[in-house]
C-alpha cells in the first residue's frame, strides 16, 4: 500500500500504520523514505513523519524507555493506547478516557451535522447562506473542495475548516458570526493557520454581494 501508484492510497496506508503503533515496526524504513521523498506530495511527507514519530515513541513505551500518562486521568499509558489516541486526537488518553472523549466528539459532530440545513446546487449541505454561496462558486468554477473536513491537525489541534481545496492546499473560512466568543475562536484559529504556514482565505458576511469576485481574487493570489 505504501508503494501504490495513487498518493491518496499511500496516505491512507500511512495513517493506518500510525494507528497500529508497535505492530508497524516493520514499516518504519519505508515510512522514513516516504517522509523525505522529494517526489511525494507534501501531505504524505508530513503524515509519514508523524507516523514514524508515533511508532518510535510507542516502541520506546513498550521497552519502558519512555512514559506517557493520560491527559485526563493521569494513568500510565500502554504503547497501543498511546498510538491510538495520537492518531485520533493528537493527545494522550488511556482506553477508558479515549472512549469518553470519542463519545463527546461524536456528540459535538452530530450537533454540527444537524445544523447543516441549507443545500447548495451541487448537493452539499451547509450551515449558512454564505457557505452556500462559496460552495456554489467553487462548483461553478470546477474547483474540487471538501466541506467541513473532520481532522486537519495544526500544531496538535484538531480543526474543521469550512472548505479545503486539495488541488491548491488552500483553506477557506467563512467567518459568519459576531459574538465575542466566536471572535476569540476566530482569532485563535487564524493564528494557528499563520503559525503553521497554511494558506488561508477569509471571507465575511459583508462579502456576500460580490462573493465570487472576492473569492476568485483572493484565490488567484495563491495560484
Protein backbone atom coordinates (compact mmCIF):
# COMPACT_ATOMS: atom_id res chain seq x y z
CA UNK A 1 0.00 0.00 0.00
CA UNK A 2 2.88 2.40 0.72
CA UNK A 3 4.08 1.86 -2.85
CA UNK A 4 0.71 2.21 -4.54
CA UNK A 5 0.68 4.47 -7.58
CA UNK A 6 -2.03 6.70 -6.09
CA UNK A 7 -0.84 9.16 -3.41
CA UNK A 8 -4.22 9.07 -1.64
CA UNK A 9 -3.88 5.31 -1.14
CA UNK A 10 -0.40 5.82 0.28
CA UNK A 11 -1.83 8.46 2.61
CA UNK A 12 -4.48 6.06 3.97
CA UNK A 13 -1.81 3.37 4.45
CA UNK A 14 0.39 5.77 6.41
CA UNK A 15 -2.46 6.74 8.73
CA UNK A 16 -3.41 3.11 9.30
CA UNK A 17 0.18 2.13 10.14
CA UNK A 18 0.40 5.02 12.59
CA UNK A 19 -2.62 3.72 14.49
CA UNK A 20 -1.08 0.24 14.92
CA UNK A 21 1.89 1.58 16.88
CA UNK A 22 4.46 -1.12 17.72
CA UNK A 23 2.88 -3.56 15.26
CA UNK A 24 4.04 -1.23 12.45
CA UNK A 25 7.73 -1.52 13.38
CA UNK A 26 8.47 -3.43 10.17
CA UNK A 27 7.22 -0.49 8.08
CA UNK A 28 9.45 2.13 9.67
CA UNK A 29 12.07 2.01 6.93
CA UNK A 30 9.51 2.62 4.18
CA UNK A 31 7.82 5.34 6.22
CA UNK A 32 11.12 7.14 6.73
CA UNK A 33 11.75 7.05 2.97
CA UNK A 34 8.25 8.40 2.34
CA UNK A 35 8.78 11.22 4.83
CA UNK A 36 11.74 12.65 2.90
CA UNK A 37 10.84 11.71 -0.66
CA UNK A 38 11.06 14.85 -2.87
CA UNK A 39 8.50 13.45 -5.33
CA UNK A 40 5.91 12.69 -2.66
CA UNK A 41 3.07 15.19 -2.01
CA UNK A 42 3.75 17.40 0.99
CA UNK A 43 0.82 15.97 2.94
CA UNK A 44 2.28 12.47 2.62
CA UNK A 45 5.73 13.68 3.72
CA UNK A 46 4.11 15.26 6.76
CA UNK A 47 1.89 12.30 7.65
CA UNK A 48 4.73 9.81 7.21
CA UNK A 49 6.96 11.87 9.51
CA UNK A 50 4.22 11.94 12.17
CA UNK A 51 3.68 8.19 11.77
CA UNK A 52 7.39 7.50 12.28
CA UNK A 53 7.45 9.66 15.41
CA UNK A 54 4.36 7.94 16.85
CA UNK A 55 5.57 4.40 16.12
CA UNK A 56 9.03 5.09 17.51
CA UNK A 57 7.54 6.58 20.66
CA UNK A 58 5.22 3.58 21.04
CA UNK A 59 8.26 1.31 20.78
CA UNK A 60 10.04 3.29 23.48
CA UNK A 61 6.98 2.99 25.71
CA UNK A 62 6.84 -0.76 25.10
CA UNK A 63 10.50 -1.03 26.06
CA UNK A 64 9.87 1.15 29.15
CA UNK A 65 12.26 3.81 27.84
CA UNK A 66 9.50 6.40 27.79
CA UNK A 67 6.45 7.02 29.94
CA UNK A 68 3.29 8.86 28.89
CA UNK A 69 0.27 9.46 31.09
CA UNK A 70 -3.36 10.03 30.20
CA UNK A 71 -4.13 13.73 29.84
CA UNK A 72 -7.44 13.32 31.66
CA UNK A 73 -6.90 10.81 34.46
CA UNK A 74 -3.10 10.59 34.75
CA UNK A 75 -2.79 6.81 34.42
CA UNK A 76 0.34 5.49 32.70
CA UNK A 77 -0.35 4.53 29.09
CA UNK A 78 0.37 1.30 27.29
CA UNK A 79 2.02 1.55 23.88
CA UNK A 80 -1.16 0.76 21.94
CA UNK A 81 -3.16 3.31 23.94
CA UNK A 82 -0.61 6.00 23.09
CA UNK A 83 -0.62 5.16 19.38
CA UNK A 84 -4.41 5.05 19.09
CA UNK A 85 -5.02 8.31 20.92
CA UNK A 86 -2.26 10.10 19.00
CA UNK A 87 -3.82 9.12 15.69
CA UNK A 88 -7.34 10.14 16.68
CA UNK A 89 -6.77 13.22 18.83
CA UNK A 90 -3.06 14.07 18.94
CA UNK A 91 -3.48 13.80 22.72
CA UNK A 92 -2.51 11.00 25.15
CA UNK A 93 -5.57 9.16 26.51
CA UNK A 94 -5.96 5.79 28.19
CA UNK A 95 -8.51 3.38 26.72
CA UNK A 96 -11.27 4.46 29.14
CA UNK A 97 -10.79 8.19 28.58
CA UNK A 98 -10.36 7.64 24.84
CA UNK A 99 -13.88 6.21 24.69
CA UNK A 100 -15.27 9.14 26.68
CA UNK A 101 -13.54 11.72 24.51
CA UNK A 102 -14.65 9.88 21.38
CA UNK A 103 -18.28 9.99 22.52
CA UNK A 104 -18.01 13.68 23.40
CA UNK A 105 -16.51 14.42 20.00
CA UNK A 106 -19.14 12.35 18.20
CA UNK A 107 -21.94 14.20 20.03
CA UNK A 108 -20.35 17.51 19.08
CA UNK A 109 -20.05 16.46 15.44
CA UNK A 110 -23.64 15.22 15.43
CA UNK A 111 -24.80 18.65 16.57
CA UNK A 112 -22.74 20.17 13.77
CA UNK A 113 -24.30 17.86 11.22
CA UNK A 114 -27.80 18.77 12.43
CA UNK A 115 -27.03 22.45 11.81
CA UNK A 116 -26.41 21.79 8.12
CA UNK A 117 -29.87 22.69 6.85
CA UNK A 118 -29.05 24.59 3.65
CA UNK A 119 -28.35 22.71 0.43
CA UNK A 120 -26.17 24.13 -2.34
CA UNK A 121 -26.80 23.43 -6.02
CA UNK A 122 -24.23 20.62 -6.09
CA UNK A 123 -26.00 18.85 -3.22
CA UNK A 124 -23.70 19.83 -0.35
CA UNK A 125 -25.47 20.55 2.93
CA UNK A 126 -24.02 23.63 4.65
CA UNK A 127 -24.81 25.77 7.69
CA UNK A 128 -25.33 29.24 6.24
CA UNK A 129 -26.21 31.23 3.16
CA UNK A 130 -22.64 32.49 2.94
CA UNK A 131 -21.28 28.96 2.87
CA UNK A 132 -23.81 28.01 0.20
CA UNK A 133 -22.58 30.87 -1.98
CA UNK A 134 -18.98 29.70 -1.59
CA UNK A 135 -19.86 26.07 -2.37
CA UNK A 136 -21.77 27.09 -5.50
CA UNK A 137 -18.99 29.37 -6.73
CA UNK A 138 -16.40 26.63 -6.31
CA UNK A 139 -18.66 24.17 -8.13
CA UNK A 140 -19.26 26.63 -10.99
CA UNK A 141 -15.51 27.11 -11.36
CA UNK A 142 -14.90 23.32 -11.29
CA UNK A 143 -12.75 23.66 -8.18
CA UNK A 144 -12.82 20.50 -6.11
CA UNK A 145 -13.43 21.10 -2.42
CA UNK A 146 -14.04 19.31 0.86
CA UNK A 147 -16.57 20.84 3.18
CA UNK A 148 -16.19 20.72 6.97
CA UNK A 149 -13.24 18.29 6.87
CA UNK A 150 -13.07 16.47 10.19
CA UNK A 151 -9.41 16.20 11.17
CA UNK A 152 -6.96 18.75 9.90
CA UNK A 153 -4.24 18.81 12.52
CA UNK A 154 -2.45 22.10 13.01
CA UNK A 155 0.12 22.27 15.79
CA UNK A 156 -1.60 19.49 17.71
CA UNK A 157 -5.07 21.00 17.39
CA UNK A 158 -7.92 19.28 15.57
CA UNK A 159 -9.69 21.91 13.47
CA UNK A 160 -12.52 21.74 10.95
CA UNK A 161 -12.05 24.31 8.19
CA UNK A 162 -15.20 25.32 6.35
CA UNK A 163 -13.65 24.46 3.00
CA UNK A 164 -10.41 22.83 1.91
CA UNK A 165 -9.18 22.92 -1.71
CA UNK A 166 -6.93 19.86 -2.12
CA UNK A 167 -5.65 20.87 -5.58
CA UNK A 168 -4.24 24.09 -4.17
CA UNK A 169 -3.74 23.14 -0.50
CA UNK A 170 -5.80 26.18 0.47
CA UNK A 171 -8.24 26.59 3.35
CA UNK A 172 -11.34 28.79 3.23
CA UNK A 173 -13.07 30.05 6.36
CA UNK A 174 -16.36 31.92 6.30
CA UNK A 175 -16.46 33.98 9.49
CA UNK A 176 -20.19 34.46 9.76
CA UNK A 177 -20.81 35.44 13.39
CA UNK A 178 -20.01 38.46 15.55
CA UNK A 179 -20.32 37.24 19.17
CA UNK A 180 -17.36 37.78 21.50
CA UNK A 181 -16.71 34.07 21.98
CA UNK A 182 -16.86 33.46 18.23
CA UNK A 183 -14.36 36.25 17.54
CA UNK A 184 -11.96 34.86 20.15
CA UNK A 185 -12.16 31.45 18.47
CA UNK A 186 -11.73 33.06 15.07
CA UNK A 187 -8.54 34.86 16.09
CA UNK A 188 -7.13 31.68 17.65
CA UNK A 189 -7.88 29.69 14.50
CA UNK A 190 -6.36 32.35 12.25
CA UNK A 191 -3.25 32.34 14.43
CA UNK A 192 -2.92 28.55 14.06
CA UNK A 193 -3.11 28.81 10.27
CA UNK A 194 -0.48 31.52 10.27
CA UNK A 195 1.87 29.71 12.64
CA UNK A 196 1.74 26.57 10.51
CA UNK A 197 2.28 28.46 7.26
CA UNK A 198 -1.12 27.40 5.90
CA UNK A 199 -2.71 29.31 3.06
CA UNK A 200 -5.99 30.74 4.30
CA UNK A 201 -8.72 32.69 2.53
CA UNK A 202 -11.01 34.52 4.96
CA UNK A 203 -14.48 35.57 3.86
CA UNK A 204 -17.12 37.56 5.74
CA UNK A 205 -20.88 38.32 5.56
CA UNK A 206 -20.18 41.73 4.01
CA UNK A 207 -18.53 39.94 1.06
CA UNK A 208 -21.79 38.25 0.03
CA UNK A 209 -22.97 40.82 -2.57
CA UNK A 210 -19.72 40.29 -4.51
CA UNK A 211 -18.65 36.93 -3.13
CA UNK A 212 -17.46 35.47 -6.42
CA UNK A 213 -15.24 38.43 -7.21
CA UNK A 214 -13.75 38.49 -3.70
CA UNK A 215 -13.18 34.73 -3.56
CA UNK A 216 -11.63 34.40 -7.01
CA UNK A 217 -9.40 37.43 -6.49
CA UNK A 218 -8.06 36.00 -3.22
CA UNK A 219 -7.66 32.57 -4.76
CA UNK A 220 -5.74 33.99 -7.72
CA UNK A 221 -3.13 35.36 -5.30
CA UNK A 222 -2.13 31.80 -4.40
CA UNK A 223 -2.12 30.30 -7.89
